[in-house]
PDB file of N, CA and C in Angstrom:
ATOM      1  N   MET A   1      11.060  78.104 -35.203  1.00  0.00           N
ATOM      2  CA  MET A   1      12.225  77.777 -34.416  1.00  0.00           C
ATOM      3  C   MET A   1      12.014  78.238 -32.966  1.00  0.00           C
ATOM      4  N   LEU A   2      11.439  79.430 -32.806  1.00  0.00           N
ATOM      5  CA  LEU A   2      11.196  79.936 -31.443  1.00  0.00           C
ATOM      6  C   LEU A   2      10.198  79.063 -30.698  1.00  0.00           C
ATOM      7  N   ARG A   3       9.189  78.598 -31.384  1.00  0.00           N
ATOM      8  CA  ARG A   3       8.203  77.730 -30.732  1.00  0.00           C
ATOM      9  C   ARG A   3       8.835  76.404 -30.314  1.00  0.00           C
ATOM     10  N   GLY A   4       9.654  75.851 -31.182  1.00  0.00           N
ATOM     11  CA  GLY A   4      10.332  74.610 -30.858  1.00  0.00           C
ATOM     12  C   GLY A   4      11.250  74.751 -29.657  1.00  0.00           C
ATOM     13  N   LEU A   5      11.988  75.850 -29.606  1.00  0.00           N
ATOM     14  CA  LEU A   5      12.869  76.083 -28.459  1.00  0.00           C
ATOM     15  C   LEU A   5      12.067  76.300 -27.175  1.00  0.00           C
ATOM     16  N   ALA A   6      10.949  76.993 -27.297  1.00  0.00           N
ATOM     17  CA  ALA A   6      10.136  77.248 -26.102  1.00  0.00           C
ATOM     18  C   ALA A   6       9.523  75.964 -25.565  1.00  0.00           C
ATOM     19  N   VAL A   7       9.129  75.059 -26.451  1.00  0.00           N
ATOM     20  CA  VAL A   7       8.481  73.820 -26.026  1.00  0.00           C
ATOM     21  C   VAL A   7       9.473  72.812 -25.489  1.00  0.00           C
ATOM     22  N   THR A   8      10.629  72.665 -26.150  1.00  0.00           N
ATOM     23  CA  THR A   8      11.571  71.626 -25.768  1.00  0.00           C
ATOM     24  C   THR A   8      12.757  72.117 -24.933  1.00  0.00           C
ATOM     25  N   GLY A   9      12.923  73.405 -24.780  1.00  0.00           N
ATOM     26  CA  GLY A   9      14.088  73.939 -24.085  1.00  0.00           C
ATOM     27  C   GLY A   9      14.215  73.444 -22.655  1.00  0.00           C
ATOM     28  N   GLY A  10      13.128  73.434 -21.917  1.00  0.00           N
ATOM     29  CA  GLY A  10      13.183  73.003 -20.522  1.00  0.00           C
ATOM     30  C   GLY A  10      13.531  71.526 -20.393  1.00  0.00           C
ATOM     31  N   VAL A  11      12.966  70.726 -21.278  1.00  0.00           N
ATOM     32  CA  VAL A  11      13.241  69.286 -21.221  1.00  0.00           C
ATOM     33  C   VAL A  11      14.688  68.994 -21.569  1.00  0.00           C
ATOM     34  N   ILE A  12      15.194  69.633 -22.607  1.00  0.00           N
ATOM     35  CA  ILE A  12      16.577  69.415 -23.024  1.00  0.00           C
ATOM     36  C   ILE A  12      17.549  69.887 -21.940  1.00  0.00           C
ATOM     37  N   SER A  13      17.266  71.041 -21.370  1.00  0.00           N
ATOM     38  CA  SER A  13      18.138  71.588 -20.316  1.00  0.00           C
ATOM     39  C   SER A  13      18.153  70.697 -19.081  1.00  0.00           C
ATOM     40  N   SER A  14      16.982  70.253 -18.649  1.00  0.00           N
ATOM     41  CA  SER A  14      16.952  69.414 -17.451  1.00  0.00           C
ATOM     42  C   SER A  14      17.588  68.051 -17.705  1.00  0.00           C
ATOM     43  N   ALA A  15      17.387  67.483 -18.885  1.00  0.00           N
ATOM     44  CA  ALA A  15      18.022  66.207 -19.206  1.00  0.00           C
ATOM     45  C   ALA A  15      19.535  66.357 -19.259  1.00  0.00           C
ATOM     46  N   GLY A  16      20.032  67.472 -19.811  1.00  0.00           N
ATOM     47  CA  GLY A  16      21.463  67.723 -19.847  1.00  0.00           C
ATOM     48  C   GLY A  16      22.047  67.873 -18.459  1.00  0.00           C
ATOM     49  N   LEU A  17      21.322  68.563 -17.580  1.00  0.00           N
ATOM     50  CA  LEU A  17      21.802  68.729 -16.215  1.00  0.00           C
ATOM     51  C   LEU A  17      21.841  67.411 -15.457  1.00  0.00           C
ATOM     52  N   VAL A  18      20.825  66.580 -15.645  1.00  0.00           N
ATOM     53  CA  VAL A  18      20.799  65.271 -14.981  1.00  0.00           C
ATOM     54  C   VAL A  18      21.936  64.399 -15.491  1.00  0.00           C
ATOM     55  N   LEU A  19      22.152  64.374 -16.800  1.00  0.00           N
ATOM     56  CA  LEU A  19      23.225  63.560 -17.356  1.00  0.00           C
ATOM     57  C   LEU A  19      24.600  64.070 -16.925  1.00  0.00           C
ATOM     58  N   ALA A  20      24.771  65.390 -16.925  1.00  0.00           N
ATOM     59  CA  ALA A  20      26.060  65.949 -16.490  1.00  0.00           C
ATOM     60  C   ALA A  20      26.314  65.666 -15.017  1.00  0.00           C
ATOM     61  N   SER A  21      25.290  65.763 -14.187  1.00  0.00           N
ATOM     62  CA  SER A  21      25.500  65.486 -12.771  1.00  0.00           C
ATOM     63  C   SER A  21      25.774  63.995 -12.549  1.00  0.00           C
ATOM     64  N   THR A  22      25.178  63.139 -13.366  1.00  0.00           N
ATOM     65  CA  THR A  22      25.464  61.708 -13.255  1.00  0.00           C
ATOM     66  C   THR A  22      26.932  61.422 -13.547  1.00  0.00           C
ATOM     67  N   PHE A  23      27.450  62.018 -14.616  1.00  0.00           N
ATOM     68  CA  PHE A  23      28.859  61.823 -14.915  1.00  0.00           C
ATOM     69  C   PHE A  23      29.763  62.582 -13.942  1.00  0.00           C
ATOM     70  N   GLY A  24      29.263  63.695 -13.418  1.00  0.00           N
ATOM     71  CA  GLY A  24      30.030  64.451 -12.443  1.00  0.00           C
ATOM     72  C   GLY A  24      30.267  63.699 -11.147  1.00  0.00           C
ATOM     73  N   VAL A  25      29.385  62.782 -10.818  1.00  0.00           N
ATOM     74  CA  VAL A  25      29.552  61.959  -9.620  1.00  0.00           C
ATOM     75  C   VAL A  25      30.819  61.116  -9.741  1.00  0.00           C
ATOM     76  N   LEU A  26      31.200  60.771 -10.954  1.00  0.00           N
ATOM     77  CA  LEU A  26      32.447  60.019 -11.137  1.00  0.00           C
ATOM     78  C   LEU A  26      33.651  60.815 -10.641  1.00  0.00           C
ATOM     79  N   GLY A  27      33.504  62.126 -10.564  1.00  0.00           N
ATOM     80  CA  GLY A  27      34.577  62.968 -10.051  1.00  0.00           C
ATOM     81  C   GLY A  27      34.845  62.766  -8.580  1.00  0.00           C
ATOM     82  N   LEU A  28      33.959  62.091  -7.884  1.00  0.00           N
ATOM     83  CA  LEU A  28      34.141  61.832  -6.456  1.00  0.00           C
ATOM     84  C   LEU A  28      34.859  60.514  -6.182  1.00  0.00           C
ATOM     85  N   MET A  29      35.116  59.747  -7.212  1.00  0.00           N
ATOM     86  CA  MET A  29      35.749  58.449  -7.032  1.00  0.00           C
ATOM     87  C   MET A  29      37.240  58.598  -6.768  1.00  0.00           C
ATOM     88  N   PRO A  30      37.844  57.660  -6.075  1.00  0.00           N
ATOM     89  CA  PRO A  30      39.282  57.767  -5.782  1.00  0.00           C
ATOM     90  C   PRO A  30      40.179  57.366  -6.961  1.00  0.00           C
ATOM     91  N   VAL A  31      39.621  56.856  -8.023  1.00  0.00           N
ATOM     92  CA  VAL A  31      40.427  56.451  -9.181  1.00  0.00           C
ATOM     93  C   VAL A  31      40.610  57.662 -10.097  1.00  0.00           C
ATOM     94  N   THR A  32      41.846  58.049 -10.345  1.00  0.00           N
ATOM     95  CA  THR A  32      42.144  59.272 -11.102  1.00  0.00           C
ATOM     96  C   THR A  32      41.569  59.233 -12.506  1.00  0.00           C
ATOM     97  N   MET A  33      41.653  58.089 -13.156  1.00  0.00           N
ATOM     98  CA  MET A  33      41.149  57.994 -14.514  1.00  0.00           C
ATOM     99  C   MET A  33      39.632  58.200 -14.565  1.00  0.00           C
ATOM    100  N   MET A  34      38.917  57.668 -13.589  1.00  0.00           N
ATOM    101  CA  MET A  34      37.467  57.848 -13.549  1.00  0.00           C
ATOM    102  C   MET A  34      37.093  59.310 -13.268  1.00  0.00           C
ATOM    103  N   VAL A  35      37.882  59.987 -12.455  1.00  0.00           N
ATOM    104  CA  VAL A  35      37.640  61.400 -12.159  1.00  0.00           C
ATOM    105  C   VAL A  35      37.784  62.207 -13.453  1.00  0.00           C
ATOM    106  N   GLN A  36      38.841  61.958 -14.196  1.00  0.00           N
ATOM    107  CA  GLN A  36      39.082  62.696 -15.437  1.00  0.00           C
ATOM    108  C   GLN A  36      37.997  62.427 -16.454  1.00  0.00           C
ATOM    109  N   ILE A  37      37.647  61.180 -16.643  1.00  0.00           N
ATOM    110  CA  ILE A  37      36.602  60.840 -17.622  1.00  0.00           C
ATOM    111  C   ILE A  37      35.272  61.442 -17.198  1.00  0.00           C
ATOM    112  N   GLY A  38      34.908  61.313 -15.943  1.00  0.00           N
ATOM    113  CA  GLY A  38      33.626  61.826 -15.468  1.00  0.00           C
ATOM    114  C   GLY A  38      33.504  63.321 -15.626  1.00  0.00           C
ATOM    115  N   LEU A  39      34.537  64.060 -15.225  1.00  0.00           N
ATOM    116  CA  LEU A  39      34.479  65.523 -15.324  1.00  0.00           C
ATOM    117  C   LEU A  39      34.505  65.999 -16.776  1.00  0.00           C
ATOM    118  N   LEU A  40      35.295  65.374 -17.628  1.00  0.00           N
ATOM    119  CA  LEU A  40      35.334  65.784 -19.023  1.00  0.00           C
ATOM    120  C   LEU A  40      34.025  65.503 -19.740  1.00  0.00           C
ATOM    121  N   VAL A  41      33.430  64.358 -19.485  1.00  0.00           N
ATOM    122  CA  VAL A  41      32.149  64.064 -20.113  1.00  0.00           C
ATOM    123  C   VAL A  41      31.063  65.007 -19.580  1.00  0.00           C
ATOM    124  N   ALA A  42      31.092  65.295 -18.282  1.00  0.00           N
ATOM    125  CA  ALA A  42      30.100  66.211 -17.709  1.00  0.00           C
ATOM    126  C   ALA A  42      30.221  67.606 -18.334  1.00  0.00           C
ATOM    127  N   ILE A  43      31.443  68.097 -18.504  1.00  0.00           N
ATOM    128  CA  ILE A  43      31.650  69.402 -19.147  1.00  0.00           C
ATOM    129  C   ILE A  43      31.182  69.356 -20.603  1.00  0.00           C
ATOM    130  N   GLY A  44      31.475  68.269 -21.299  1.00  0.00           N
ATOM    131  CA  GLY A  44      31.026  68.127 -22.689  1.00  0.00           C
ATOM    132  C   GLY A  44      29.527  68.098 -22.815  1.00  0.00           C
ATOM    133  N   VAL A  45      28.841  67.419 -21.914  1.00  0.00           N
ATOM    134  CA  VAL A  45      27.390  67.369 -21.940  1.00  0.00           C
ATOM    135  C   VAL A  45      26.802  68.757 -21.673  1.00  0.00           C
ATOM    136  N   LEU A  46      27.369  69.485 -20.742  1.00  0.00           N
ATOM    137  CA  LEU A  46      26.875  70.850 -20.466  1.00  0.00           C
ATOM    138  C   LEU A  46      27.086  71.774 -21.645  1.00  0.00           C
ATOM    139  N   LEU A  47      28.257  71.678 -22.291  1.00  0.00           N
ATOM    140  CA  LEU A  47      28.483  72.506 -23.491  1.00  0.00           C
ATOM    141  C   LEU A  47      27.502  72.144 -24.587  1.00  0.00           C
ATOM    142  N   ASP A  48      27.253  70.859 -24.790  1.00  0.00           N
ATOM    143  CA  ASP A  48      26.320  70.438 -25.812  1.00  0.00           C
ATOM    144  C   ASP A  48      24.903  70.901 -25.495  1.00  0.00           C
ATOM    145  N   THR A  49      24.539  70.816 -24.238  1.00  0.00           N
ATOM    146  CA  THR A  49      23.170  71.187 -23.841  1.00  0.00           C
ATOM    147  C   THR A  49      22.926  72.681 -24.002  1.00  0.00           C
ATOM    148  N   PHE A  50      23.824  73.494 -23.476  1.00  0.00           N
ATOM    149  CA  PHE A  50      23.544  74.921 -23.408  1.00  0.00           C
ATOM    150  C   PHE A  50      24.113  75.741 -24.550  1.00  0.00           C
ATOM    151  N   LEU A  51      25.132  75.253 -25.234  1.00  0.00           N
ATOM    152  CA  LEU A  51      25.693  76.023 -26.340  1.00  0.00           C
ATOM    153  C   LEU A  51      25.241  75.493 -27.680  1.00  0.00           C
ATOM    154  N   VAL A  52      25.442  74.216 -27.902  1.00  0.00           N
ATOM    155  CA  VAL A  52      25.154  73.658 -29.228  1.00  0.00           C
ATOM    156  C   VAL A  52      23.653  73.584 -29.466  1.00  0.00           C
ATOM    157  N   ARG A  53      22.909  72.938 -28.565  1.00  0.00           N
ATOM    158  CA  ARG A  53      21.496  72.695 -28.828  1.00  0.00           C
ATOM    159  C   ARG A  53      20.611  73.933 -28.671  1.00  0.00           C
ATOM    160  N   SER A  54      21.039  74.912 -27.901  1.00  0.00           N
ATOM    161  CA  SER A  54      20.181  76.078 -27.718  1.00  0.00           C
ATOM    162  C   SER A  54      20.629  77.299 -28.511  1.00  0.00           C
ATOM    163  N   VAL A  55      21.878  77.315 -29.009  1.00  0.00           N
ATOM    164  CA  VAL A  55      22.347  78.478 -29.762  1.00  0.00           C
ATOM    165  C   VAL A  55      22.751  78.105 -31.193  1.00  0.00           C
ATOM    166  N   MET A  56      23.631  77.132 -31.325  1.00  0.00           N
ATOM    167  CA  MET A  56      24.208  76.859 -32.639  1.00  0.00           C
ATOM    168  C   MET A  56      23.249  76.155 -33.600  1.00  0.00           C
ATOM    169  N   VAL A  57      22.480  75.188 -33.135  1.00  0.00           N
ATOM    170  CA  VAL A  57      21.558  74.488 -34.024  1.00  0.00           C
ATOM    171  C   VAL A  57      20.445  75.409 -34.513  1.00  0.00           C
ATOM    172  N   PRO A  58      19.805  76.222 -33.665  1.00  0.00           N
ATOM    173  CA  PRO A  58      18.803  77.153 -34.190  1.00  0.00           C
ATOM    174  C   PRO A  58      19.406  78.184 -35.165  1.00  0.00           C
ATOM    175  N   ALA A  59      20.625  78.638 -34.879  1.00  0.00           N
ATOM    176  CA  ALA A  59      21.252  79.602 -35.790  1.00  0.00           C
ATOM    177  C   ALA A  59      21.529  78.945 -37.150  1.00  0.00           C
ATOM    178  N   LEU A  60      21.990  77.718 -37.132  1.00  0.00           N
ATOM    179  CA  LEU A  60      22.230  76.994 -38.389  1.00  0.00           C
ATOM    180  C   LEU A  60      20.934  76.759 -39.136  1.00  0.00           C
ATOM    181  N   ALA A  61      19.864  76.428 -38.422  1.00  0.00           N
ATOM    182  CA  ALA A  61      18.563  76.201 -39.056  1.00  0.00           C
ATOM    183  C   ALA A  61      18.040  77.471 -39.720  1.00  0.00           C
ATOM    184  N   LEU A  62      18.204  78.602 -39.068  1.00  0.00           N
ATOM    185  CA  LEU A  62      17.748  79.858 -39.647  1.00  0.00           C
ATOM    186  C   LEU A  62      18.595  80.268 -40.835  1.00  0.00           C
ATOM    187  N   ASP A  63      19.901  80.004 -40.782  1.00  0.00           N
ATOM    188  CA  ASP A  63      20.784  80.333 -41.908  1.00  0.00           C
ATOM    189  C   ASP A  63      20.523  79.442 -43.117  1.00  0.00           C
ATOM    190  N   ALA A  64      20.319  78.149 -42.896  1.00  0.00           N
ATOM    191  CA  ALA A  64      20.168  77.207 -43.989  1.00  0.00           C
ATOM    192  C   ALA A  64      18.776  77.252 -44.602  1.00  0.00           C
ATOM    193  N   GLY A  65      17.793  77.742 -43.863  1.00  0.00           N
ATOM    194  CA  GLY A  65      16.427  77.830 -44.382  1.00  0.00           C
ATOM    195  C   GLY A  65      15.829  76.453 -44.600  1.00  0.00           C
ATOM    196  N   ARG A  66      15.119  76.261 -45.712  1.00  0.00           N
ATOM    197  CA  ARG A  66      14.493  74.979 -45.997  1.00  0.00           C
ATOM    198  C   ARG A  66      15.501  73.871 -46.237  1.00  0.00           C
ATOM    199  N   GLY A  67      16.707  74.208 -46.637  1.00  0.00           N
ATOM    200  CA  GLY A  67      17.739  73.183 -46.846  1.00  0.00           C
ATOM    201  C   GLY A  67      18.125  72.458 -45.585  1.00  0.00           C
ATOM    202  N   PHE A  68      17.849  73.046 -44.438  1.00  0.00           N
ATOM    203  CA  PHE A  68      18.161  72.411 -43.155  1.00  0.00           C
ATOM    204  C   PHE A  68      17.356  71.134 -42.973  1.00  0.00           C
ATOM    205  N   TRP A  69      16.160  71.097 -43.533  1.00  0.00           N
ATOM    206  CA  TRP A  69      15.272  69.931 -43.389  1.00  0.00           C
ATOM    207  C   TRP A  69      15.369  69.015 -44.593  1.00  0.00           C
ATOM    208  N   TRP A  70      16.473  69.005 -45.293  1.00  0.00           N
ATOM    209  CA  TRP A  70      16.639  68.374 -46.589  1.00  0.00           C
ATOM    210  C   TRP A  70      16.032  66.996 -46.762  1.00  0.00           C
ATOM    211  N   PRO A  71      16.324  65.996 -45.963  1.00  0.00           N
ATOM    212  CA  PRO A  71      15.762  64.679 -46.319  1.00  0.00           C
ATOM    213  C   PRO A  71      14.259  64.539 -46.040  1.00  0.00           C
ATOM    214  N   GLY A  72      13.653  65.465 -45.386  1.00  0.00           N
ATOM    215  CA  GLY A  72      12.258  65.322 -44.976  1.00  0.00           C
ATOM    216  C   GLY A  72      11.273  66.047 -45.870  1.00  0.00           C
ATOM    217  N   ARG A  73      10.002  65.972 -45.486  1.00  0.00           N
ATOM    218  CA  ARG A  73       8.931  66.611 -46.255  1.00  0.00           C
ATOM    219  C   ARG A  73       8.983  68.131 -46.162  1.00  0.00           C
ATOM    220  N   LEU A  74       9.518  68.668 -45.073  1.00  0.00           N
ATOM    221  CA  LEU A  74       9.536  70.130 -44.911  1.00  0.00           C
ATOM    222  C   LEU A  74      10.395  70.812 -45.961  1.00  0.00           C
ATOM    223  N   ALA A  75      11.401  70.116 -46.473  1.00  0.00           N
ATOM    224  CA  ALA A  75      12.242  70.721 -47.504  1.00  0.00           C
ATOM    225  C   ALA A  75      11.519  70.775 -48.842  1.00  0.00           C
ATOM    226  N   ARG A  76      10.612  69.835 -49.080  1.00  0.00           N
ATOM    227  CA  ARG A  76       9.903  69.769 -50.359  1.00  0.00           C
ATOM    228  C   ARG A  76       8.603  70.562 -50.358  1.00  0.00           C
ATOM    229  N   ALA A  77       8.121  70.938 -49.194  1.00  0.00           N
ATOM    230  CA  ALA A  77       6.837  71.641 -49.098  1.00  0.00           C
ATOM    231  C   ALA A  77       6.959  73.029 -49.725  1.00  0.00           C
ATOM    232  N   VAL A  78       5.913  73.406 -50.395  1.00  0.00           N
ATOM    233  CA  VAL A  78       5.877  74.735 -51.003  1.00  0.00           C
ATOM    234  C   VAL A  78       5.479  75.714 -49.916  1.00  0.00           C
ATOM    235  N   PRO A  79       6.298  76.755 -49.679  1.00  0.00           N
ATOM    236  CA  PRO A  79       5.941  77.703 -48.618  1.00  0.00           C
ATOM    237  C   PRO A  79       4.710  78.510 -48.989  1.00  0.00           C
ATOM    238  N   ALA A  80       3.894  78.785 -47.994  1.00  0.00           N
ATOM    239  CA  ALA A  80       2.705  79.617 -48.210  1.00  0.00           C
ATOM    240  C   ALA A  80       3.162  81.046 -48.482  1.00  0.00           C
ATOM    241  N   GLU A  81       2.444  81.685 -49.350  1.00  0.00           N
ATOM    242  CA  GLU A  81       2.810  83.066 -49.675  1.00  0.00           C
ATOM    243  C   GLU A  81       2.483  83.967 -48.499  1.00  0.00           C
ATOM    244  N   ALA A  82       3.373  84.868 -48.234  1.00  0.00           N
ATOM    245  CA  ALA A  82       3.174  85.825 -47.156  1.00  0.00           C
ATOM    246  C   ALA A  82       2.173  86.891 -47.624  1.00  0.00           C
ATOM    247  N   PRO A  83       1.369  87.386 -46.695  1.00  0.00           N
ATOM    248  CA  PRO A  83       0.425  88.438 -47.109  1.00  0.00           C
ATOM    249  C   PRO A  83       1.200  89.672 -47.543  1.00  0.00           C
ATOM    250  N   PRO A  84       0.625  90.426 -48.465  1.00  0.00           N
ATOM    251  CA  PRO A  84       1.339  91.628 -48.945  1.00  0.00           C
ATOM    252  C   PRO A  84       1.569  92.634 -47.827  1.00  0.00           C
ATOM    253  N   VAL A  85       2.728  93.231 -47.869  1.00  0.00           N
ATOM    254  CA  VAL A  85       3.090  94.238 -46.864  1.00  0.00           C
ATOM    255  C   VAL A  85       2.566  95.588 -47.316  1.00  0.00           C
ATOM    256  N   PRO A  86       1.765  96.245 -46.475  1.00  0.00           N
ATOM    257  CA  PRO A  86       1.269  97.570 -46.873  1.00  0.00           C
ATOM    258  C   PRO A  86       2.414  98.584 -46.950  1.00  0.00           C
ATOM    259  N   GLN A  87       2.409  99.349 -48.010  1.00  0.00           N
ATOM    260  CA  GLN A  87       3.484 100.312 -48.189  1.00  0.00           C
ATOM    261  C   GLN A  87       2.966 101.700 -47.911  1.00  0.00           C
ATOM    262  N   LYS A  88       3.828 102.512 -47.324  1.00  0.00           N
ATOM    263  CA  LYS A  88       3.463 103.894 -47.002  1.00  0.00           C
ATOM    264  C   LYS A  88       3.564 104.735 -48.261  1.00  0.00           C
ATOM    265  N   VAL A  89       2.612 105.581 -48.453  1.00  0.00           N
ATOM    266  CA  VAL A  89       2.609 106.432 -49.640  1.00  0.00           C
ATOM    267  C   VAL A  89       3.010 107.827 -49.280  1.00  0.00           C
TER     268      VAL A  89
END
């Protein structure tokens, strides 16, 4: 999960910022309805980018374990055994 966030985090964040700024430009229009729609969608995109995709989805994936990948091959794959942990005597 950490590797996936490290690799895709910058791309997701920059795409979210570009999309939010695109909708935020609607806030400069003189039509009240367009201002409201543009600002609300921009706020929603920012929340999705920085809260949902970077915090909530990884937390859900770690909580659900292999069940998170249910329809795919990762859910059916047999996990490799972890090396034995040395114990202190």
